[in-house]
Amino acid sequence: LVESGGGMVQAGGSLRLSCAASGRSFDSYAMAWFRQAPGKEREFV
């Protein structure tokens, strides 16, 4: 899995992240997005 599309935006703006998958990724049970801020645990999105 390879993510892309991140960047810096002003509050109220929009972004679209992409995750390019290879192998059996789309045969998997589930796909998800998580996020992690500095000093914090990874959280479900």
PDB file of all heavy atoms in Angstrom:
ATOM      1  N   LEU A   1       0.835  -1.188   0.000  1.00  0.00           N
ATOM      2  CA  LEU A   1       0.000   0.000   0.000  1.00  0.00           C
ATOM      3  C   LEU A   1       0.875   1.245   0.000  1.00  0.00           C
ATOM      4  O   LEU A   1       1.820   1.337   0.780  1.00  0.00           O
ATOM      5  CB  LEU A   1      -0.903   0.020   1.236  1.00  0.00           C
ATOM      6  CG  LEU A   1      -1.753  -1.230   1.494  1.00  0.00           C
ATOM      7  CD1 LEU A   1      -2.445  -1.118   2.853  1.00  0.00           C
ATOM      8  CD2 LEU A   1      -2.786  -1.408   0.393  1.00  0.00           C
ATOM      9  N   VAL A   2       0.554   2.213  -0.865  1.00  0.00           N
ATOM     10  CA  VAL A   2       1.305   3.457  -0.958  1.00  0.00           C
ATOM     11  C   VAL A   2       0.332   4.625  -0.966  1.00  0.00           C
ATOM     12  O   VAL A   2      -0.456   4.775  -1.901  1.00  0.00           O
ATOM     13  CB  VAL A   2       2.189   3.504  -2.211  1.00  0.00           C
ATOM     14  CG1 VAL A   2       2.958   4.820  -2.259  1.00  0.00           C
ATOM     15  CG2 VAL A   2       3.152   2.326  -2.230  1.00  0.00           C
ATOM     16  N   GLU A   3       0.392   5.470   0.075  1.00  0.00           N
ATOM     17  CA  GLU A   3      -0.483   6.631   0.174  1.00  0.00           C
ATOM     18  C   GLU A   3       0.104   7.830  -0.566  1.00  0.00           C
ATOM     19  O   GLU A   3       1.321   7.969  -0.689  1.00  0.00           O
ATOM     20  CB  GLU A   3      -0.722   7.029   1.639  1.00  0.00           C
ATOM     21  CG  GLU A   3      -1.305   5.937   2.514  1.00  0.00           C
ATOM     22  CD  GLU A   3      -0.242   5.194   3.284  1.00  0.00           C
ATOM     23  OE1 GLU A   3       0.919   5.134   2.804  1.00  0.00           O
ATOM     24  OE2 GLU A   3      -0.552   4.675   4.372  1.00  0.00           O
ATOM     25  N   SER A   4      -0.783   8.724  -1.009  1.00  0.00           N
ATOM     26  CA  SER A   4      -0.376   9.986  -1.606  1.00  0.00           C
ATOM     27  C   SER A   4      -1.524  10.977  -1.477  1.00  0.00           C
ATOM     28  O   SER A   4      -2.639  10.606  -1.133  1.00  0.00           O
ATOM     29  CB  SER A   4       0.015   9.813  -3.080  1.00  0.00           C
ATOM     30  OG  SER A   4      -1.090   9.369  -3.846  1.00  0.00           O
ATOM     31  N   GLY A   5      -1.250  12.246  -1.761  1.00  0.00           N
ATOM     32  CA  GLY A   5      -2.284  13.266  -1.760  1.00  0.00           C
ATOM     33  C   GLY A   5      -2.286  14.169  -0.550  1.00  0.00           C
ATOM     34  O   GLY A   5      -3.087  15.109  -0.483  1.00  0.00           O
ATOM     35  N   GLY A   6      -1.416  13.908   0.408  1.00  0.00           N
ATOM     36  CA  GLY A   6      -1.342  14.770   1.574  1.00  0.00           C
ATOM     37  C   GLY A   6      -0.749  16.120   1.229  1.00  0.00           C
ATOM     38  O   GLY A   6      -0.203  16.331   0.144  1.00  0.00           O
ATOM     39  N   GLY A   7      -0.859  17.046   2.162  1.00  0.00           N
ATOM     40  CA  GLY A   7      -0.334  18.381   1.956  1.00  0.00           C
ATOM     41  C   GLY A   7      -0.790  19.316   3.041  1.00  0.00           C
ATOM     42  O   GLY A   7      -1.304  18.890   4.075  1.00  0.00           O
ATOM     43  N   MET A   8      -0.600  20.603   2.804  1.00  0.00           N
ATOM     44  CA  MET A   8      -0.982  21.638   3.753  1.00  0.00           C
ATOM     45  C   MET A   8      -2.138  22.450   3.184  1.00  0.00           C
ATOM     46  O   MET A   8      -2.076  22.931   2.048  1.00  0.00           O
ATOM     47  CB  MET A   8       0.202  22.556   4.052  1.00  0.00           C
ATOM     48  CG  MET A   8      -0.089  23.642   5.071  1.00  0.00           C
ATOM     49  SD  MET A   8       1.367  24.653   5.442  1.00  0.00           S
ATOM     50  CE  MET A   8       2.429  23.430   6.209  1.00  0.00           C
ATOM     51  N   VAL A   9      -3.208  22.585   3.968  1.00  0.00           N
ATOM     52  CA  VAL A   9      -4.380  23.340   3.550  1.00  0.00           C
ATOM     53  C   VAL A   9      -4.864  24.204   4.700  1.00  0.00           C
ATOM     54  O   VAL A   9      -4.550  23.955   5.869  1.00  0.00           O
ATOM     55  CB  VAL A   9      -5.528  22.431   3.075  1.00  0.00           C
ATOM     56  CG1 VAL A   9      -5.114  21.626   1.857  1.00  0.00           C
ATOM     57  CG2 VAL A   9      -5.974  21.510   4.202  1.00  0.00           C
ATOM     58  N   GLN A  10      -5.644  25.217   4.372  1.00  0.00           N
ATOM     59  CA  GLN A  10      -6.244  26.079   5.373  1.00  0.00           C
ATOM     60  C   GLN A  10      -7.520  25.438   5.908  1.00  0.00           C
ATOM     61  O   GLN A  10      -8.183  24.660   5.220  1.00  0.00           O
ATOM     62  CB  GLN A  10      -6.546  27.450   4.771  1.00  0.00           C
ATOM     63  CG  GLN A  10      -6.920  28.525   5.780  1.00  0.00           C
ATOM     64  CD  GLN A  10      -6.916  29.914   5.162  1.00  0.00           C
ATOM     65  OE1 GLN A  10      -6.113  30.213   4.287  1.00  0.00           O
ATOM     66  NE2 GLN A  10      -7.830  30.758   5.635  1.00  0.00           N
ATOM     67  N   ALA A  11      -7.854  25.747   7.139  1.00  0.00           N
ATOM     68  CA  ALA A  11      -9.079  25.226   7.740  1.00  0.00           C
ATOM     69  C   ALA A  11     -10.276  25.497   6.839  1.00  0.00           C
ATOM     70  O   ALA A  11     -10.427  26.594   6.297  1.00  0.00           O
ATOM     71  CB  ALA A  11      -9.301  25.842   9.110  1.00  0.00           C
ATOM     72  N   GLY A  12     -11.117  24.481   6.679  1.00  0.00           N
ATOM     73  CA  GLY A  12     -12.267  24.575   5.801  1.00  0.00           C
ATOM     74  C   GLY A  12     -12.021  24.033   4.412  1.00  0.00           C
ATOM     75  O   GLY A  12     -12.978  23.846   3.648  1.00  0.00           O
ATOM     76  N   GLY A  13     -10.773  23.769   4.084  1.00  0.00           N
ATOM     77  CA  GLY A  13     -10.424  23.259   2.776  1.00  0.00           C
ATOM     78  C   GLY A  13     -10.621  21.765   2.650  1.00  0.00           C
ATOM     79  O   GLY A  13     -11.094  21.098   3.572  1.00  0.00           O
ATOM     80  N   SER A  14     -10.232  21.228   1.490  1.00  0.00           N
ATOM     81  CA  SER A  14     -10.427  19.817   1.186  1.00  0.00           C
ATOM     82  C   SER A  14      -9.161  19.193   0.634  1.00  0.00           C
ATOM     83  O   SER A  14      -8.326  19.863   0.023  1.00  0.00           O
ATOM     84  CB  SER A  14     -11.554  19.637   0.162  1.00  0.00           C
ATOM     85  OG  SER A  14     -12.788  20.115   0.647  1.00  0.00           O
ATOM     86  N   LEU A  15      -9.034  17.895   0.852  1.00  0.00           N
ATOM     87  CA  LEU A  15      -7.977  17.089   0.274  1.00  0.00           C
ATOM     88  C   LEU A  15      -8.548  15.721  -0.059  1.00  0.00           C
ATOM     89  O   LEU A  15      -9.491  15.265   0.590  1.00  0.00           O
ATOM     90  CB  LEU A  15      -6.803  16.903   1.237  1.00  0.00           C
ATOM     91  CG  LEU A  15      -5.832  18.057   1.452  1.00  0.00           C
ATOM     92  CD1 LEU A  15      -4.853  17.701   2.568  1.00  0.00           C
ATOM     93  CD2 LEU A  15      -5.074  18.369   0.174  1.00  0.00           C
ATOM     94  N   ARG A  16      -7.971  15.065  -1.055  1.00  0.00           N
ATOM     95  CA  ARG A  16      -8.314  13.685  -1.352  1.00  0.00           C
ATOM     96  C   ARG A  16      -7.052  12.842  -1.315  1.00  0.00           C
ATOM     97  O   ARG A  16      -6.128  13.041  -2.112  1.00  0.00           O
ATOM     98  CB  ARG A  16      -8.991  13.533  -2.719  1.00  0.00           C
ATOM     99  CG  ARG A  16      -9.536  12.111  -2.928  1.00  0.00           C
ATOM    100  CD  ARG A  16     -10.327  11.946  -4.202  1.00  0.00           C
ATOM    101  NE  ARG A  16      -9.479  11.777  -5.367  1.00  0.00           N
ATOM    102  CZ  ARG A  16      -9.873  11.209  -6.507  1.00  0.00           C
ATOM    103  NH1 ARG A  16     -11.126  10.765  -6.627  1.00  0.00           N
ATOM    104  NH2 ARG A  16      -9.035  11.116  -7.518  1.00  0.00           N
ATOM    105  N   LEU A  17      -7.020  11.909  -0.387  1.00  0.00           N
ATOM    106  CA  LEU A  17      -5.906  10.990  -0.264  1.00  0.00           C
ATOM    107  C   LEU A  17      -6.154   9.758  -1.127  1.00  0.00           C
ATOM    108  O   LEU A  17      -7.293   9.312  -1.277  1.00  0.00           O
ATOM    109  CB  LEU A  17      -5.710  10.558   1.188  1.00  0.00           C
ATOM    110  CG  LEU A  17      -5.563  11.674   2.225  1.00  0.00           C
ATOM    111  CD1 LEU A  17      -5.288  11.066   3.600  1.00  0.00           C
ATOM    112  CD2 LEU A  17      -4.462  12.644   1.825  1.00  0.00           C
ATOM    113  N   SER A  18      -5.081   9.218  -1.680  1.00  0.00           N
ATOM    114  CA  SER A  18      -5.156   8.008  -2.470  1.00  0.00           C
ATOM    115  C   SER A  18      -4.269   6.936  -1.858  1.00  0.00           C
ATOM    116  O   SER A  18      -3.243   7.242  -1.247  1.00  0.00           O
ATOM    117  CB  SER A  18      -4.711   8.259  -3.910  1.00  0.00           C
ATOM    118  OG  SER A  18      -5.536   9.209  -4.550  1.00  0.00           O
ATOM    119  N   CYS A  19      -4.663   5.699  -2.027  1.00  0.00           N
ATOM    120  CA  CYS A  19      -3.876   4.563  -1.568  1.00  0.00           C
ATOM    121  C   CYS A  19      -3.803   3.558  -2.700  1.00  0.00           C
ATOM    122  O   CYS A  19      -4.789   2.873  -2.988  1.00  0.00           O
ATOM    123  CB  CYS A  19      -4.497   3.938  -0.319  1.00  0.00           C
ATOM    124  SG  CYS A  19      -3.654   2.454   0.272  1.00  0.00           S
ATOM    125  N   ALA A  20      -2.659   3.501  -3.361  1.00  0.00           N
ATOM    126  CA  ALA A  20      -2.451   2.562  -4.453  1.00  0.00           C
ATOM    127  C   ALA A  20      -2.094   1.200  -3.885  1.00  0.00           C
ATOM    128  O   ALA A  20      -1.159   1.073  -3.101  1.00  0.00           O
ATOM    129  CB  ALA A  20      -1.351   3.058  -5.376  1.00  0.00           C
ATOM    130  N   ALA A  21      -2.846   0.193  -4.285  1.00  0.00           N
ATOM    131  CA  ALA A  21      -2.690  -1.146  -3.740  1.00  0.00           C
ATOM    132  C   ALA A  21      -2.209  -2.120  -4.801  1.00  0.00           C
ATOM    133  O   ALA A  21      -2.575  -2.019  -5.977  1.00  0.00           O
ATOM    134  CB  ALA A  21      -4.009  -1.632  -3.144  1.00  0.00           C
ATOM    135  N   SER A  22      -1.399  -3.061  -4.381  1.00  0.00           N
ATOM    136  CA  SER A  22      -0.953  -4.145  -5.243  1.00  0.00           C
ATOM    137  C   SER A  22      -1.096  -5.457  -4.495  1.00  0.00           C
ATOM    138  O   SER A  22      -1.233  -5.487  -3.274  1.00  0.00           O
ATOM    139  CB  SER A  22       0.494  -3.933  -5.688  1.00  0.00           C
ATOM    140  OG  SER A  22       1.376  -3.929  -4.578  1.00  0.00           O
ATOM    141  N   GLY A  23      -1.055  -6.546  -5.241  1.00  0.00           N
ATOM    142  CA  GLY A  23      -1.203  -7.845  -4.628  1.00  0.00           C
ATOM    143  C   GLY A  23      -2.657  -8.191  -4.395  1.00  0.00           C
ATOM    144  O   GLY A  23      -3.503  -7.953  -5.259  1.00  0.00           O
ATOM    145  N   ARG A  24      -2.953  -8.706  -3.205  1.00  0.00           N
ATOM    146  CA  ARG A  24      -4.286  -9.192  -2.876  1.00  0.00           C
ATOM    147  C   ARG A  24      -5.113  -8.193  -2.081  1.00  0.00           C
ATOM    148  O   ARG A  24      -6.091  -8.577  -1.447  1.00  0.00           O
ATOM    149  CB  ARG A  24      -4.168 -10.494  -2.083  1.00  0.00           C
ATOM    150  CG  ARG A  24      -3.476 -11.619  -2.832  1.00  0.00           C
ATOM    151  CD  ARG A  24      -3.186 -12.820  -1.931  1.00  0.00           C
ATOM    152  NE  ARG A  24      -4.377 -13.336  -1.282  1.00  0.00           N
ATOM    153  CZ  ARG A  24      -4.649 -13.188   0.012  1.00  0.00           C
ATOM    154  NH1 ARG A  24      -3.800 -12.557   0.809  1.00  0.00           N
ATOM    155  NH2 ARG A  24      -5.765 -13.684   0.515  1.00  0.00           N
ATOM    156  N   SER A  25      -4.747  -6.918  -2.114  1.00  0.00           N
ATOM    157  CA  SER A  25      -5.381  -5.929  -1.245  1.00  0.00           C
ATOM    158  C   SER A  25      -6.897  -5.867  -1.400  1.00  0.00           C
ATOM    159  O   SER A  25      -7.618  -5.758  -0.405  1.00  0.00           O
ATOM    160  CB  SER A  25      -4.771  -4.550  -1.484  1.00  0.00           C
ATOM    161  OG  SER A  25      -4.954  -4.144  -2.827  1.00  0.00           O
ATOM    162  N   PHE A  26      -7.379  -5.927  -2.620  1.00  0.00           N
ATOM    163  CA  PHE A  26      -8.817  -5.832  -2.836  1.00  0.00           C
ATOM    164  C   PHE A  26      -9.538  -7.158  -2.698  1.00  0.00           C
ATOM    165  O   PHE A  26     -10.753  -7.222  -2.896  1.00  0.00           O
ATOM    166  CB  PHE A  26      -9.106  -5.178  -4.187  1.00  0.00           C
ATOM    167  CG  PHE A  26      -8.891  -3.705  -4.165  1.00  0.00           C
ATOM    168  CD1 PHE A  26      -7.707  -3.155  -4.634  1.00  0.00           C
ATOM    169  CD2 PHE A  26      -9.862  -2.857  -3.660  1.00  0.00           C
ATOM    170  CE1 PHE A  26      -7.497  -1.784  -4.600  1.00  0.00           C
ATOM    171  CE2 PHE A  26      -9.668  -1.485  -3.626  1.00  0.00           C
ATOM    172  CZ  PHE A  26      -8.473  -0.953  -4.102  1.00  0.00           C
ATOM    173  N   ASP A  27      -8.824  -8.201  -2.355  1.00  0.00           N
ATOM    174  CA  ASP A  27      -9.431  -9.466  -1.962  1.00  0.00           C
ATOM    175  C   ASP A  27      -9.483  -9.594  -0.454  1.00  0.00           C
ATOM    176  O   ASP A  27      -9.934 -10.607   0.070  1.00  0.00           O
ATOM    177  CB  ASP A  27      -8.651 -10.650  -2.550  1.00  0.00           C
ATOM    178  CG  ASP A  27      -8.753 -10.734  -4.055  1.00  0.00           C
ATOM    179  OD1 ASP A  27      -9.793 -10.329  -4.605  1.00  0.00           O
ATOM    180  OD2 ASP A  27      -7.792 -11.216  -4.687  1.00  0.00           O
ATOM    181  N   SER A  28      -9.030  -8.558   0.243  1.00  0.00           N
ATOM    182  CA  SER A  28      -8.972  -8.589   1.692  1.00  0.00           C
ATOM    183  C   SER A  28     -10.350  -8.379   2.312  1.00  0.00           C
ATOM    184  O   SER A  28     -11.299  -7.958   1.648  1.00  0.00           O
ATOM    185  CB  SER A  28      -7.998  -7.545   2.224  1.00  0.00           C
ATOM    186  OG  SER A  28      -8.451  -6.239   1.906  1.00  0.00           O
ATOM    187  N   TYR A  29     -10.440  -8.647   3.605  1.00  0.00           N
ATOM    188  CA  TYR A  29     -11.691  -8.476   4.338  1.00  0.00           C
ATOM    189  C   TYR A  29     -12.104  -7.010   4.402  1.00  0.00           C
ATOM    190  O   TYR A  29     -13.276  -6.683   4.220  1.00  0.00           O
ATOM    191  CB  TYR A  29     -11.539  -9.058   5.739  1.00  0.00           C
ATOM    192  CG  TYR A  29     -12.600  -8.619   6.708  1.00  0.00           C
ATOM    193  CD1 TYR A  29     -13.917  -9.069   6.576  1.00  0.00           C
ATOM    194  CD2 TYR A  29     -12.298  -7.771   7.761  1.00  0.00           C
ATOM    195  CE1 TYR A  29     -14.893  -8.676   7.465  1.00  0.00           C
ATOM    196  CE2 TYR A  29     -13.273  -7.374   8.655  1.00  0.00           C
ATOM    197  CZ  TYR A  29     -14.565  -7.828   8.508  1.00  0.00           C
ATOM    198  OH  TYR A  29     -15.536  -7.443   9.403  1.00  0.00           O
ATOM    199  N   ALA A  30     -11.138  -6.112   4.670  1.00  0.00           N
ATOM    200  CA  ALA A  30     -11.466  -4.706   4.833  1.00  0.00           C
ATOM    201  C   ALA A  30     -10.275  -3.815   4.488  1.00  0.00           C
ATOM    202  O   ALA A  30      -9.122  -4.233   4.560  1.00  0.00           O
ATOM    203  CB  ALA A  30     -11.912  -4.429   6.265  1.00  0.00           C
ATOM    204  N   MET A  31     -10.583  -2.573   4.124  1.00  0.00           N
ATOM    205  CA  MET A  31      -9.591  -1.531   3.943  1.00  0.00           C
ATOM    206  C   MET A  31      -9.957  -0.373   4.865  1.00  0.00           C
ATOM    207  O   MET A  31     -11.136  -0.122   5.119  1.00  0.00           O
ATOM    208  CB  MET A  31      -9.554  -1.049   2.499  1.00  0.00           C
ATOM    209  CG  MET A  31      -9.231  -2.130   1.482  1.00  0.00           C
ATOM    210  SD  MET A  31      -7.493  -2.659   1.550  1.00  0.00           S
ATOM    211  CE  MET A  31      -6.668  -1.182   0.936  1.00  0.00           C
ATOM    212  N   ALA A  32      -8.946   0.333   5.355  1.00  0.00           N
ATOM    213  CA  ALA A  32      -9.205   1.372   6.342  1.00  0.00           C
ATOM    214  C   ALA A  32      -8.213   2.512   6.229  1.00  0.00           C
ATOM    215  O   ALA A  32      -7.144   2.385   5.629  1.00  0.00           O
ATOM    216  CB  ALA A  32      -9.142   0.782   7.756  1.00  0.00           C
ATOM    217  N   TRP A  33      -8.595   3.628   6.827  1.00  0.00           N
ATOM    218  CA  TRP A  33      -7.712   4.764   7.037  1.00  0.00           C
ATOM    219  C   TRP A  33      -7.586   5.027   8.531  1.00  0.00           C
ATOM    220  O   TRP A  33      -8.594   5.095   9.249  1.00  0.00           O
ATOM    221  CB  TRP A  33      -8.234   6.025   6.352  1.00  0.00           C
ATOM    222  CG  TRP A  33      -8.170   5.988   4.857  1.00  0.00           C
ATOM    223  CD1 TRP A  33      -9.158   5.618   3.999  1.00  0.00           C
ATOM    224  CD2 TRP A  33      -7.046   6.355   4.045  1.00  0.00           C
ATOM    225  NE1 TRP A  33      -8.728   5.732   2.696  1.00  0.00           N
ATOM    226  CE2 TRP A  33      -7.433   6.178   2.699  1.00  0.00           C
ATOM    227  CE3 TRP A  33      -5.759   6.810   4.317  1.00  0.00           C
ATOM    228  CZ2 TRP A  33      -6.577   6.436   1.629  1.00  0.00           C
ATOM    229  CZ3 TRP A  33      -4.908   7.072   3.253  1.00  0.00           C
ATOM    230  CH2 TRP A  33      -5.314   6.885   1.936  1.00  0.00           C
ATOM    231  N   PHE A  34      -6.355   5.151   9.004  1.00  0.00           N
ATOM    232  CA  PHE A  34      -6.044   5.571  10.362  1.00  0.00           C
ATOM    233  C   PHE A  34      -5.203   6.839  10.286  1.00  0.00           C
ATOM    234  O   PHE A  34      -4.679   7.188   9.232  1.00  0.00           O
ATOM    235  CB  PHE A  34      -5.278   4.482  11.115  1.00  0.00           C
ATOM    236  CG  PHE A  34      -6.115   3.311  11.542  1.00  0.00           C
ATOM    237  CD1 PHE A  34      -6.543   2.366  10.622  1.00  0.00           C
ATOM    238  CD2 PHE A  34      -6.481   3.135  12.870  1.00  0.00           C
ATOM    239  CE1 PHE A  34      -7.309   1.280  11.011  1.00  0.00           C
ATOM    240  CE2 PHE A  34      -7.246   2.054  13.274  1.00  0.00           C
ATOM    241  CZ  PHE A  34      -7.663   1.129  12.339  1.00  0.00           C
ATOM    242  N   ARG A  35      -5.069   7.527  11.408  1.00  0.00           N
ATOM    243  CA  ARG A  35      -4.210   8.703  11.455  1.00  0.00           C
ATOM    244  C   ARG A  35      -3.487   8.763  12.789  1.00  0.00           C
ATOM    245  O   ARG A  35      -3.950   8.230  13.792  1.00  0.00           O
ATOM    246  CB  ARG A  35      -5.002   9.994  11.219  1.00  0.00           C
ATOM    247  CG  ARG A  35      -6.003  10.340  12.309  1.00  0.00           C
ATOM    248  CD  ARG A  35      -6.850  11.531  11.881  1.00  0.00           C
ATOM    249  NE  ARG A  35      -7.789  11.940  12.925  1.00  0.00           N
ATOM    250  CZ  ARG A  35      -8.733  12.862  12.765  1.00  0.00           C
ATOM    251  NH1 ARG A  35      -8.859  13.484  11.590  1.00  0.00           N
ATOM    252  NH2 ARG A  35      -9.538  13.175  13.764  1.00  0.00           N
ATOM    253  N   GLN A  36      -2.341   9.434  12.783  1.00  0.00           N
ATOM    254  CA  GLN A  36      -1.530   9.535  13.983  1.00  0.00           C
ATOM    255  C   GLN A  36      -0.878  10.907  14.052  1.00  0.00           C
ATOM    256  O   GLN A  36      -0.109  11.283  13.167  1.00  0.00           O
ATOM    257  CB  GLN A  36      -0.466   8.442  14.020  1.00  0.00           C
ATOM    258  CG  GLN A  36       0.325   8.388  15.312  1.00  0.00           C
ATOM    259  CD  GLN A  36       1.161   7.130  15.423  1.00  0.00           C
ATOM    260  OE1 GLN A  36       1.481   6.503  14.410  1.00  0.00           O
ATOM    261  NE2 GLN A  36       1.505   6.747  16.636  1.00  0.00           N
ATOM    262  N   ALA A  37      -1.194  11.655  15.098  1.00  0.00           N
ATOM    263  CA  ALA A  37      -0.579  12.945  15.359  1.00  0.00           C
ATOM    264  C   ALA A  37       0.656  12.745  16.233  1.00  0.00           C
ATOM    265  O   ALA A  37       0.754  11.751  16.958  1.00  0.00           O
ATOM    266  CB  ALA A  37      -1.569  13.882  16.042  1.00  0.00           C
ATOM    267  N   PRO A  38       1.615  13.672  16.185  1.00  0.00           N
ATOM    268  CA  PRO A  38       2.820  13.536  17.003  1.00  0.00           C
ATOM    269  C   PRO A  38       2.491  13.371  18.482  1.00  0.00           C
ATOM    270  O   PRO A  38       1.686  14.116  19.039  1.00  0.00           O
ATOM    271  CB  PRO A  38       3.569  14.847  16.750  1.00  0.00           C
ATOM    272  CG  PRO A  38       3.117  15.274  15.397  1.00  0.00           C
ATOM    273  CD  PRO A  38       1.669  14.867  15.329  1.00  0.00           C
ATOM    274  N   GLY A  39       3.097  12.378  19.111  1.00  0.00           N
ATOM    275  CA  GLY A  39       2.881  12.132  20.525  1.00  0.00           C
ATOM    276  C   GLY A  39       1.592  11.424  20.868  1.00  0.00           C
ATOM    277  O   GLY A  39       1.316  11.213  22.055  1.00  0.00           O
ATOM    278  N   LYS A  40       0.802  11.054  19.886  1.00  0.00           N
ATOM    279  CA  LYS A  40      -0.466  10.378  20.126  1.00  0.00           C
ATOM    280  C   LYS A  40      -0.473   9.001  19.474  1.00  0.00           C
ATOM    281  O   LYS A  40       0.317   8.717  18.574  1.00  0.00           O
ATOM    282  CB  LYS A  40      -1.639  11.205  19.593  1.00  0.00           C
ATOM    283  CG  LYS A  40      -1.785  12.581  20.218  1.00  0.00           C
ATOM    284  CD  LYS A  40      -3.009  13.304  19.696  1.00  0.00           C
ATOM    285  CE  LYS A  40      -4.288  12.592  20.087  1.00  0.00           C
ATOM    286  NZ  LYS A  40      -5.502  13.344  19.636  1.00  0.00           N
ATOM    287  N   GLU A  41      -1.370   8.148  19.946  1.00  0.00           N
ATOM    288  CA  GLU A  41      -1.516   6.823  19.366  1.00  0.00           C
ATOM    289  C   GLU A  41      -2.278   6.899  18.048  1.00  0.00           C
ATOM    290  O   GLU A  41      -3.038   7.836  17.796  1.00  0.00           O
ATOM    291  CB  GLU A  41      -2.241   5.891  20.339  1.00  0.00           C
ATOM    292  CG  GLU A  41      -1.468   5.609  21.615  1.00  0.00           C
ATOM    293  CD  GLU A  41      -2.144   4.578  22.489  1.00  0.00           C
ATOM    294  OE1 GLU A  41      -3.286   4.168  22.168  1.00  0.00           O
ATOM    295  OE2 GLU A  41      -1.538   4.166  23.488  1.00  0.00           O
ATOM    296  N   ARG A  42      -2.053   5.899  17.219  1.00  0.00           N
ATOM    297  CA  ARG A  42      -2.766   5.823  15.960  1.00  0.00           C
ATOM    298  C   ARG A  42      -4.258   5.610  16.219  1.00  0.00           C
ATOM    299  O   ARG A  42      -4.636   4.760  17.023  1.00  0.00           O
ATOM    300  CB  ARG A  42      -2.197   4.687  15.116  1.00  0.00           C
ATOM    301  CG  ARG A  42      -2.607   4.715  13.665  1.00  0.00           C
ATOM    302  CD  ARG A  42      -1.732   3.762  12.832  1.00  0.00           C
ATOM    303  NE  ARG A  42      -0.319   4.128  12.911  1.00  0.00           N
ATOM    304  CZ  ARG A  42       0.636   3.532  12.207  1.00  0.00           C
ATOM    305  NH1 ARG A  42       0.339   2.548  11.376  1.00  0.00           N
ATOM    306  NH2 ARG A  42       1.896   3.929  12.352  1.00  0.00           N
ATOM    307  N   GLU A  43      -5.108   6.382  15.529  1.00  0.00           N
ATOM    308  CA  GLU A  43      -6.540   6.302  15.766  1.00  0.00           C
ATOM    309  C   GLU A  43      -7.306   6.001  14.483  1.00  0.00           C
ATOM    310  O   GLU A  43      -6.904   6.377  13.384  1.00  0.00           O
ATOM    311  CB  GLU A  43      -7.066   7.600  16.400  1.00  0.00           C
ATOM    312  CG  GLU A  43      -6.996   8.815  15.493  1.00  0.00           C
ATOM    313  CD  GLU A  43      -7.639  10.042  16.115  1.00  0.00           C
ATOM    314  OE1 GLU A  43      -8.258   9.929  17.187  1.00  0.00           O
ATOM    315  OE2 GLU A  43      -7.512  11.136  15.525  1.00  0.00           O
ATOM    316  N   PHE A  44      -8.436   5.348  14.662  1.00  0.00           N
ATOM    317  CA  PHE A  44      -9.303   4.962  13.565  1.00  0.00           C
ATOM    318  C   PHE A  44      -9.959   6.176  12.929  1.00  0.00           C
ATOM    319  O   PHE A  44     -10.400   7.099  13.622  1.00  0.00           O
ATOM    320  CB  PHE A  44     -10.378   4.007  14.094  1.00  0.00           C
ATOM    321  CG  PHE A  44     -11.466   3.690  13.122  1.00  0.00           C
ATOM    322  CD1 PHE A  44     -11.271   2.765  12.106  1.00  0.00           C
ATOM    323  CD2 PHE A  44     -12.700   4.307  13.217  1.00  0.00           C
ATOM    324  CE1 PHE A  44     -12.271   2.454  11.207  1.00  0.00           C
ATOM    325  CE2 PHE A  44     -13.717   4.012  12.330  1.00  0.00           C
ATOM    326  CZ  PHE A  44     -13.496   3.086  11.322  1.00  0.00           C
ATOM    327  N   VAL A  45     -10.030   6.194  11.600  1.00  0.00           N
ATOM    328  CA  VAL A  45     -10.715   7.248  10.863  1.00  0.00           C
ATOM    329  C   VAL A  45     -11.943   6.678  10.154  1.00  0.00           C
ATOM    330  O   VAL A  45     -13.074   7.108  10.399  1.00  0.00           O
ATOM    331  CB  VAL A  45      -9.787   7.929   9.844  1.00  0.00           C
ATOM    332  CG1 VAL A  45     -10.563   8.972   9.039  1.00  0.00           C
ATOM    333  CG2 VAL A  45      -8.599   8.570  10.547  1.00  0.00           C
TER     334      VAL A  45
END
